C-alpha atoms as a PDB file:
ATOM      1  CA  MET A   1       4.810   4.632  -3.355  1.00  0.00           C
ATOM      2  CA  PRO A   2       7.580   3.014  -5.454  1.00  0.00           C
ATOM      3  CA  ARG A   3       5.900  -0.397  -5.272  1.00  0.00           C
ATOM      4  CA  GLN A   4       2.808  -2.114  -3.933  1.00  0.00           C
ATOM      5  CA  PHE A   5       3.278  -3.049  -0.297  1.00  0.00           C
ATOM      6  CA  ARG A   6       1.466  -5.519   1.902  1.00  0.00           C
ATOM      7  CA  LEU A   7      -0.338  -4.803   5.137  1.00  0.00           C
ATOM      8  CA  SER A   8       1.409  -7.217   7.474  1.00  0.00           C
ATOM      9  CA  LEU A   9       0.172  -6.125  10.890  1.00  0.00           C
ATOM     10  CA  THR A  10      -0.830  -9.189  12.897  1.00  0.00           C
ATOM     11  CA  ALA A  11      -1.773  -7.991  16.385  1.00  0.00           C
ATOM     12  CA  PRO A  12      -5.454  -8.667  17.173  1.00  0.00           C
ATOM     13  CA  PRO A  13      -7.619  -5.565  16.963  1.00  0.00           C
ATOM     14  CA  ARG A  14      -8.817  -3.843  20.125  1.00  0.00           C
ATOM     15  CA  TRP A  15     -12.319  -2.433  20.089  1.00  0.00           C
ATOM     16  CA  ASP A  16     -12.444  -0.968  23.623  1.00  0.00           C
ATOM     17  CA  ARG A  17     -13.112   2.720  24.169  1.00  0.00           C
ATOM     18  CA  GLU A  18      -9.844   3.192  26.062  1.00  0.00           C
ATOM     19  CA  SER A  19      -7.819   2.463  22.918  1.00  0.00           C
ATOM     20  CA  PHE A  20      -9.857   4.850  20.761  1.00  0.00           C
ATOM     21  CA  ALA A  21      -8.384   8.288  20.036  1.00  0.00           C
ATOM     22  CA  SER A  22     -11.081  10.885  20.634  1.00  0.00           C
ATOM     23  CA  SER A  23     -10.868  14.250  18.891  1.00  0.00           C
ATOM     24  CA  PRO A  24     -13.212  16.910  17.492  1.00  0.00           C
ATOM     25  CA  THR A  25     -13.556  14.710  14.371  1.00  0.00           C
ATOM     26  CA  ASN A  26     -15.426  11.997  16.266  1.00  0.00           C
ATOM     27  CA  LEU A  27     -17.004  13.664  19.304  1.00  0.00           C
ATOM     28  CA  GLU A  28     -20.420  13.692  17.620  1.00  0.00           C
ATOM     29  CA  ALA A  29     -20.221   9.934  17.197  1.00  0.00           C
ATOM     30  CA  LEU A  30     -19.034   9.380  20.770  1.00  0.00           C
ATOM     31  CA  ASP A  31     -21.814  11.521  22.218  1.00  0.00           C
ATOM     32  CA  SER A  32     -24.448   9.833  20.061  1.00  0.00           C
ATOM     33  CA  LEU A  33     -23.355   6.325  21.031  1.00  0.00           C
ATOM     34  CA  ASP A  34     -23.239   7.277  24.697  1.00  0.00           C
ATOM     35  CA  ALA A  35     -26.826   8.552  24.421  1.00  0.00           C
ATOM     36  CA  TRP A  36     -28.056   4.963  23.954  1.00  0.00           C
ATOM     37  CA  PRO A  37     -30.692   3.738  24.690  1.00  0.00           C
ATOM     38  CA  ALA A  38     -32.308   7.153  24.218  1.00  0.00           C
ATOM     39  CA  TRP A  39     -31.903   7.111  20.409  1.00  0.00           C
ATOM     40  CA  PRO A  40     -34.876   8.431  18.433  1.00  0.00           C
ATOM     41  CA  ASP A  41     -36.997   5.365  17.645  1.00  0.00           C
ATOM     42  CA  GLY A  42     -34.127   3.218  18.906  1.00  0.00           C
ATOM     43  CA  ARG A  43     -32.100   3.778  15.707  1.00  0.00           C
ATOM     44  CA  LEU A  44     -28.747   5.341  14.836  1.00  0.00           C
ATOM     45  CA  ALA A  45     -26.592   5.383  11.701  1.00  0.00           C
ATOM     46  CA  LEU A  46     -22.854   5.812  12.295  1.00  0.00           C
ATOM     47  CA  VAL A  47     -21.171   7.024   9.111  1.00  0.00           C
ATOM     48  CA  GLY A  48     -17.754   8.211   7.954  1.00  0.00           C
ATOM     49  CA  PRO A  49     -14.892   7.496   5.550  1.00  0.00           C
ATOM     50  CA  ALA A  50     -13.074   4.167   5.620  1.00  0.00           C
ATOM     51  CA  GLY A  51     -10.617   3.801   8.474  1.00  0.00           C
ATOM     52  CA  THR A  52     -12.042   6.529  10.706  1.00  0.00           C
ATOM     53  CA  GLY A  53     -13.052   4.220  13.568  1.00  0.00           C
ATOM     54  CA  LYS A  54     -16.657   3.273  12.792  1.00  0.00           C
ATOM     55  CA  THR A  55     -16.082  -0.414  13.434  1.00  0.00           C
ATOM     56  CA  HIS A  56     -14.017   0.339  16.544  1.00  0.00           C
ATOM     57  CA  LEU A  57     -16.804   2.385  18.131  1.00  0.00           C
ATOM     58  CA  ALA A  58     -19.580   0.113  16.876  1.00  0.00           C
ATOM     59  CA  ARG A  59     -17.935  -3.040  18.253  1.00  0.00           C
ATOM     60  CA  ASP A  60     -17.268  -1.304  21.570  1.00  0.00           C
ATOM     61  CA  TRP A  61     -20.956  -0.355  21.720  1.00  0.00           C
ATOM     62  CA  ALA A  62     -21.963  -3.919  20.855  1.00  0.00           C
ATOM     63  CA  ALA A  63     -19.758  -5.313  23.617  1.00  0.00           C
ATOM     64  CA  ARG A  64     -21.154  -2.882  26.181  1.00  0.00           C
ATOM     65  CA  THR A  65     -24.775  -3.547  25.259  1.00  0.00           C
ATOM     66  CA  GLY A  66     -24.628  -7.231  24.407  1.00  0.00           C
ATOM     67  CA  ALA A  67     -25.733  -6.474  20.852  1.00  0.00           C
ATOM     68  CA  VAL A  68     -25.968  -9.066  18.118  1.00  0.00           C
ATOM     69  CA  THR A  69     -23.476  -8.166  15.366  1.00  0.00           C
ATOM     70  CA  ILE A  70     -24.454  -8.753  11.734  1.00  0.00           C
ATOM     71  CA  GLU A  71     -22.269  -8.230   8.659  1.00  0.00           C
ATOM     72  CA  ALA A  72     -24.750  -6.859   6.149  1.00  0.00           C
ATOM     73  CA  ALA A  73     -22.795  -7.798   3.022  1.00  0.00           C
ATOM     74  CA  SER A  74     -21.961 -11.379   4.080  1.00  0.00           C
ATOM     75  CA  THR A  75     -23.250 -14.228   1.919  1.00  0.00           C
ATOM     76  CA  GLY A  76     -23.750 -17.946   2.140  1.00  0.00           C
ATOM     77  CA  ASN A  77     -25.640 -17.764   5.432  1.00  0.00           C
ATOM     78  CA  ALA A  78     -29.104 -18.922   6.391  1.00  0.00           C
ATOM     79  CA  PRO A  79     -31.707 -16.132   6.477  1.00  0.00           C
ATOM     80  CA  LEU A  80     -31.791 -14.131   9.676  1.00  0.00           C
ATOM     81  CA  ASP A  81     -34.253 -15.318  12.296  1.00  0.00           C
ATOM     82  CA  LEU A  82     -35.955 -11.966  12.766  1.00  0.00           C
ATOM     83  CA  ALA A  83     -38.230 -13.221  15.542  1.00  0.00           C
ATOM     84  CA  SER A  84     -35.214 -14.131  17.695  1.00  0.00           C
ATOM     85  CA  LEU A  85     -33.767 -10.635  17.236  1.00  0.00           C
ATOM     86  CA  ARG A  86     -36.869  -8.766  18.357  1.00  0.00           C
ATOM     87  CA  GLY A  87     -36.295  -6.643  21.459  1.00  0.00           C
ATOM     88  CA  ARG A  88     -32.492  -6.955  21.307  1.00  0.00           C
ATOM     89  CA  PRO A  89     -29.776  -4.402  20.512  1.00  0.00           C
ATOM     90  CA  LEU A  90     -28.451  -5.045  16.997  1.00  0.00           C
ATOM     91  CA  LEU A  91     -25.375  -3.868  15.113  1.00  0.00           C
ATOM     92  CA  VAL A  92     -25.466  -4.096  11.306  1.00  0.00           C
ATOM     93  CA  GLU A  93     -22.040  -3.372   9.826  1.00  0.00           C
ATOM     94  CA  ASP A  94     -21.561  -1.935   6.306  1.00  0.00           C
ATOM     95  CA  ALA A  95     -25.270  -1.486   5.776  1.00  0.00           C
ATOM     96  CA  ASP A  96     -24.595   0.801   2.812  1.00  0.00           C
ATOM     97  CA  ARG A  97     -22.645  -1.907   0.963  1.00  0.00           C
ATOM     98  CA  ARG A  98     -25.293  -4.616   0.986  1.00  0.00           C
ATOM     99  CA  SER A  99     -26.755  -5.952  -2.250  1.00  0.00           C
ATOM    100  CA  GLU A 100     -29.361  -8.439  -3.426  1.00  0.00           C
ATOM    101  CA  GLY A 101     -28.511 -11.906  -2.153  1.00  0.00           C
ATOM    102  CA  ASP A 102     -26.541 -10.681   0.866  1.00  0.00           C
ATOM    103  CA  LEU A 103     -27.504 -11.585   4.410  1.00  0.00           C
ATOM    104  CA  VAL A 104     -29.182  -8.196   4.825  1.00  0.00           C
ATOM    105  CA  ASP A 105     -31.083  -7.286   1.679  1.00  0.00           C
ATOM    106  CA  ASP A 106     -33.556  -4.415   1.334  1.00  0.00           C
ATOM    107  CA  GLU A 107     -36.485  -6.370   2.734  1.00  0.00           C
ATOM    108  CA  THR A 108     -34.509  -7.584   5.744  1.00  0.00           C
ATOM    109  CA  LEU A 109     -33.142  -4.134   6.484  1.00  0.00           C
ATOM    110  CA  PHE A 110     -36.659  -2.715   6.296  1.00  0.00           C
ATOM    111  CA  HIS A 111     -37.828  -5.204   8.950  1.00  0.00           C
ATOM    112  CA  LEU A 112     -34.796  -4.595  11.172  1.00  0.00           C
ATOM    113  CA  ILE A 113     -35.426  -0.850  11.140  1.00  0.00           C
ATOM    114  CA  ASN A 114     -39.102  -1.392  11.956  1.00  0.00           C
ATOM    115  CA  MET A 115     -38.173  -3.668  14.866  1.00  0.00           C
ATOM    116  CA  ALA A 116     -35.926  -1.037  16.459  1.00  0.00           C
ATOM    117  CA  GLY A 117     -37.554   0.678  19.403  1.00  0.00           C
ATOM    118  CA  VAL A 118     -40.039  -2.167  19.914  1.00  0.00           C
ATOM    119  CA  ASP A 119     -39.863  -4.174  23.164  1.00  0.00           C
ATOM    120  CA  GLY A 120     -36.614  -2.438  24.086  1.00  0.00           C
ATOM    121  CA  GLY A 121     -34.838  -3.229  20.832  1.00  0.00           C
ATOM    122  CA  SER A 122     -32.343  -0.895  19.183  1.00  0.00           C
ATOM    123  CA  LEU A 123     -30.386  -0.771  15.939  1.00  0.00           C
ATOM    124  CA  LEU A 124     -26.957   0.645  15.074  1.00  0.00           C
ATOM    125  CA  LEU A 125     -26.076   0.775  11.374  1.00  0.00           C
ATOM    126  CA  THR A 126     -22.616   1.613  10.023  1.00  0.00           C
ATOM    127  CA  GLY A 127     -21.708   2.869   6.560  1.00  0.00           C
ATOM    128  CA  ARG A 128     -19.367   5.148   4.689  1.00  0.00           C
ATOM    129  CA  LEU A 129     -22.167   7.320   3.310  1.00  0.00           C
ATOM    130  CA  ALA A 130     -25.186   8.875   4.957  1.00  0.00           C
ATOM    131  CA  PRO A 131     -28.348   6.727   4.716  1.00  0.00           C
ATOM    132  CA  VAL A 132     -29.968   9.165   2.273  1.00  0.00           C
ATOM    133  CA  ALA A 133     -27.348   7.999  -0.261  1.00  0.00           C
ATOM    134  CA  TRP A 134     -27.885   4.254   0.301  1.00  0.00           C
ATOM    135  CA  ALA A 135     -29.502   2.225  -2.452  1.00  0.00           C
ATOM    136  CA  ALA A 136     -33.058   1.165  -1.647  1.00  0.00           C
ATOM    137  CA  ALA A 137     -35.277  -0.652  -4.127  1.00  0.00           C
ATOM    138  CA  VAL A 138     -38.077  -1.001  -1.569  1.00  0.00           C
ATOM    139  CA  PRO A 139     -39.988   2.319  -1.453  1.00  0.00           C
ATOM    140  CA  ASP A 140     -40.848   2.046   2.248  1.00  0.00           C
ATOM    141  CA  LEU A 141     -37.188   1.417   3.054  1.00  0.00           C
ATOM    142  CA  ARG A 142     -36.239   4.652   1.317  1.00  0.00           C
ATOM    143  CA  SER A 143     -38.407   6.682   3.684  1.00  0.00           C
ATOM    144  CA  ARG A 144     -37.052   4.824   6.723  1.00  0.00           C
ATOM    145  CA  LEU A 145     -33.452   5.475   5.693  1.00  0.00           C
ATOM    146  CA  ASN A 146     -34.108   9.152   5.061  1.00  0.00           C
ATOM    147  CA  ALA A 147     -35.527   9.504   8.583  1.00  0.00           C
ATOM    148  CA  LEU A 148     -32.615   7.884  10.435  1.00  0.00           C
ATOM    149  CA  THR A 149     -30.656   9.859  13.007  1.00  0.00           C
ATOM    150  CA  VAL A 150     -27.068  10.151  11.792  1.00  0.00           C
ATOM    151  CA  ALA A 151     -23.802  10.468  13.714  1.00  0.00           C
ATOM    152  CA  ARG A 152     -20.802  11.374  11.555  1.00  0.00           C
ATOM    153  CA  ILE A 153     -17.090  10.756  11.930  1.00  0.00           C
ATOM    154  CA  GLU A 154     -14.970  13.141   9.896  1.00  0.00           C
ATOM    155  CA  ALA A 155     -11.609  12.503   8.224  1.00  0.00           C
ATOM    156  CA  PRO A 156      -8.784  12.031  10.778  1.00  0.00           C
ATOM    157  CA  ASP A 157      -7.099  15.061  12.299  1.00  0.00           C
ATOM    158  CA  ASP A 158      -3.558  15.037  13.730  1.00  0.00           C
ATOM    159  CA  VAL A 159      -4.689  13.468  17.022  1.00  0.00           C
ATOM    160  CA  VAL A 160      -6.361  10.523  15.313  1.00  0.00           C
ATOM    161  CA  LEU A 161      -3.703  10.100  12.638  1.00  0.00           C
ATOM    162  CA  GLN A 162      -0.901   9.979  15.206  1.00  0.00           C
ATOM    163  CA  ALA A 163      -2.849   7.432  17.258  1.00  0.00           C
ATOM    164  CA  VAL A 164      -3.308   5.244  14.160  1.00  0.00           C
ATOM    165  CA  LEU A 165       0.418   5.439  13.406  1.00  0.00           C
ATOM    166  CA  ARG A 166       1.361   4.612  16.996  1.00  0.00           C
ATOM    167  CA  ARG A 167      -0.934   1.580  17.106  1.00  0.00           C
ATOM    168  CA  GLY A 168       0.384   0.425  13.761  1.00  0.00           C
ATOM    169  CA  PHE A 169       4.011   0.647  14.868  1.00  0.00           C
ATOM    170  CA  GLU A 170       3.211  -1.020  18.196  1.00  0.00           C
ATOM    171  CA  ALA A 171       1.457  -3.892  16.416  1.00  0.00           C
ATOM    172  CA  ALA A 172       4.533  -4.365  14.228  1.00  0.00           C
ATOM    173  CA  GLY A 173       6.883  -4.247  17.230  1.00  0.00           C
ATOM    174  CA  ILE A 174       8.540  -1.027  16.011  1.00  0.00           C
ATOM    175  CA  ARG A 175       9.706   1.859  18.181  1.00  0.00           C
ATOM    176  CA  PRO A 176      10.425   4.667  15.731  1.00  0.00           C
ATOM    177  CA  ALA A 177      12.157   7.900  16.600  1.00  0.00           C
ATOM    178  CA  SER A 178       9.667  10.400  18.008  1.00  0.00           C
ATOM    179  CA  ASP A 179      10.362  12.921  15.250  1.00  0.00           C
ATOM    180  CA  LEU A 180       9.034  10.443  12.661  1.00  0.00           C
ATOM    181  CA  TYR A 181       5.433  11.125  13.686  1.00  0.00           C
ATOM    182  CA  PRO A 182       5.232  14.825  12.770  1.00  0.00           C
ATOM    183  CA  TYR A 183       7.255  14.074   9.638  1.00  0.00           C
ATOM    184  CA  LEU A 184       4.729  11.463   8.463  1.00  0.00           C
ATOM    185  CA  MET A 185       1.649  13.410   9.516  1.00  0.00           C
ATOM    186  CA  ALA A 186       2.784  16.425   7.507  1.00  0.00           C
ATOM    187  CA  ARG A 187       2.999  14.310   4.356  1.00  0.00           C
ATOM    188  CA  LEU A 188       0.485  11.453   4.543  1.00  0.00           C
ATOM    189  CA  PRO A 189      -3.071  11.732   3.182  1.00  0.00           C
ATOM    190  CA  ARG A 190      -5.606  12.311   5.960  1.00  0.00           C
ATOM    191  CA  SER A 191      -6.556   8.658   5.963  1.00  0.00           C
ATOM    192  CA  ALA A 192      -6.142   5.813   8.444  1.00  0.00           C
ATOM    193  CA  PRO A 193      -5.625   3.229   5.660  1.00  0.00           C
ATOM    194  CA  ALA A 194      -2.843   5.402   4.201  1.00  0.00           C
ATOM    195  CA  ALA A 195      -1.209   5.662   7.638  1.00  0.00           C
ATOM    196  CA  LEU A 196      -1.311   1.888   8.169  1.00  0.00           C
ATOM    197  CA  ALA A 197      -0.034   1.295   4.641  1.00  0.00           C
ATOM    198  CA  ALA A 198       2.933   3.577   5.378  1.00  0.00           C
ATOM    199  CA  VAL A 199       3.654   1.637   8.570  1.00  0.00           C
ATOM    200  CA  ALA A 200       3.561  -1.637   6.618  1.00  0.00           C
ATOM    201  CA  ALA A 201       5.920  -0.273   3.960  1.00  0.00           C
ATOM    202  CA  LEU A 202       8.406   0.961   6.559  1.00  0.00           C
ATOM    203  CA  ASP A 203       8.213  -2.318   8.456  1.00  0.00           C
ATOM    204  CA  GLU A 204       8.945  -4.295   5.297  1.00  0.00           C
ATOM    205  CA  ALA A 205      11.797  -2.031   4.225  1.00  0.00           C
ATOM    206  CA  SER A 206      13.323  -2.071   7.702  1.00  0.00           C
ATOM    207  CA  ILE A 207      13.413  -5.873   7.701  1.00  0.00           C
ATOM    208  CA  ASP A 208      14.638  -6.160   4.100  1.00  0.00           C
ATOM    209  CA  GLN A 209      17.359  -3.538   4.484  1.00  0.00           C
ATOM    210  CA  GLY A 210      18.288  -4.014   8.138  1.00  0.00           C
ATOM    211  CA  ARG A 211      17.678  -0.325   8.855  1.00  0.00           C
ATOM    212  CA  GLU A 212      16.034   1.567  11.691  1.00  0.00           C
ATOM    213  CA  VAL A 213      12.602   3.060  11.104  1.00  0.00           C
ATOM    214  CA  ASN A 214      13.245   6.790  10.963  1.00  0.00           C
ATOM    215  CA  LYS A 215      12.845   9.826   8.727  1.00  0.00           C
ATOM    216  CA  ALA A 216      15.680   8.766   6.453  1.00  0.00           C
ATOM    217  CA  LEU A 217      14.030   5.408   5.769  1.00  0.00           C
ATOM    218  CA  ALA A 218      10.666   7.102   5.248  1.00  0.00           C
ATOM    219  CA  LEU A 219      12.229   9.454   2.712  1.00  0.00           C
ATOM    220  CA  ALA A 220      13.780   6.512   0.863  1.00  0.00           C
ATOM    221  CA  VAL A 221      10.679   4.265   0.924  1.00  0.00           C
ATOM    222  CA  LEU A 222       7.663   6.550   0.768  1.00  0.00           C
ATOM    223  CA  ASP A 223       7.134   8.628  -2.344  1.00  0.00           C
ATOM    224  CA  PHE A 224       6.411  12.006  -0.786  1.00  0.00           C
ATOM    225  CA  GLY A 225       8.093  14.115  -3.470  1.00  0.00           C
ATOM    226  CA  ASP A 226       9.938  15.966  -0.724  1.00  0.00           C
ATOM    227  CA  SER A 227      12.117  19.005  -1.124  1.00  0.00           C
ATOM    228  CA  GLU A 228      15.921  19.276  -1.083  1.00  0.00           C
ATOM    229  CA  ASP A 229      15.746  20.048   2.630  1.00  0.00           C
ATOM    230  CA  ASP A 230      14.403  16.546   3.257  1.00  0.00           C
ATOM    231  CA  GLU A 231      17.062  15.039   1.022  1.00  0.00           C
ATOM    232  CA  ASP A 232      19.690  16.752   3.181  1.00  0.00           C
ATOM    233  CA  GLU A 233      18.280  14.991   6.250  1.00  0.00           C
ATOM    234  CA  GLU A 234      19.004  11.579   4.734  1.00  0.00           C
ATOM    235  CA  GLY A 235      22.699  12.173   4.872  1.00  0.00           C
END
């Protein structure tokens, strides 16, 4: 990109299943979440790269089950009241990014995992890496993490990437030409953050320059290193 751009999308996020783009890259995750409450030992780890929909699916699950949602890496909070969480469905977000002093440290995570499956309780953990790669200073936690059932979301395919672009443009109030989607998908990294960043850059350039959001603007704003054929399209 020629310059750093801001992510200026302001529409509130939707976490419902209807707004989630299902594809072969996330069917394993969908099937695993729908298998609740029959998770082995009441536990499931949902993992995948940033921007692949982990939070979307996890928050949808939490809404459907009435789960308590906990941000593992948050700080400045009182310790969790573990007794009040016993027997309840729990969602712990970004469990792989926690550290000493966070709301969910190793000792707390160990107890949360042990509580899952007891008195009807269950636990959904999200992270970018599989639990076997998570740091664990507590030896007993290491064995618990290694034994977790894992559901993976892979990098976005065309179905998911186009859905991310469409939601991004809708949130920004933009109706781009339909041929912009295949043009962007053929050139963008297979990443939801990259897709949203491209939307933000086009939105900003469209406002600054008073131009429509189309392939010509994308060629001018996004550094794709395109061929002479693309340059011809600009004219």
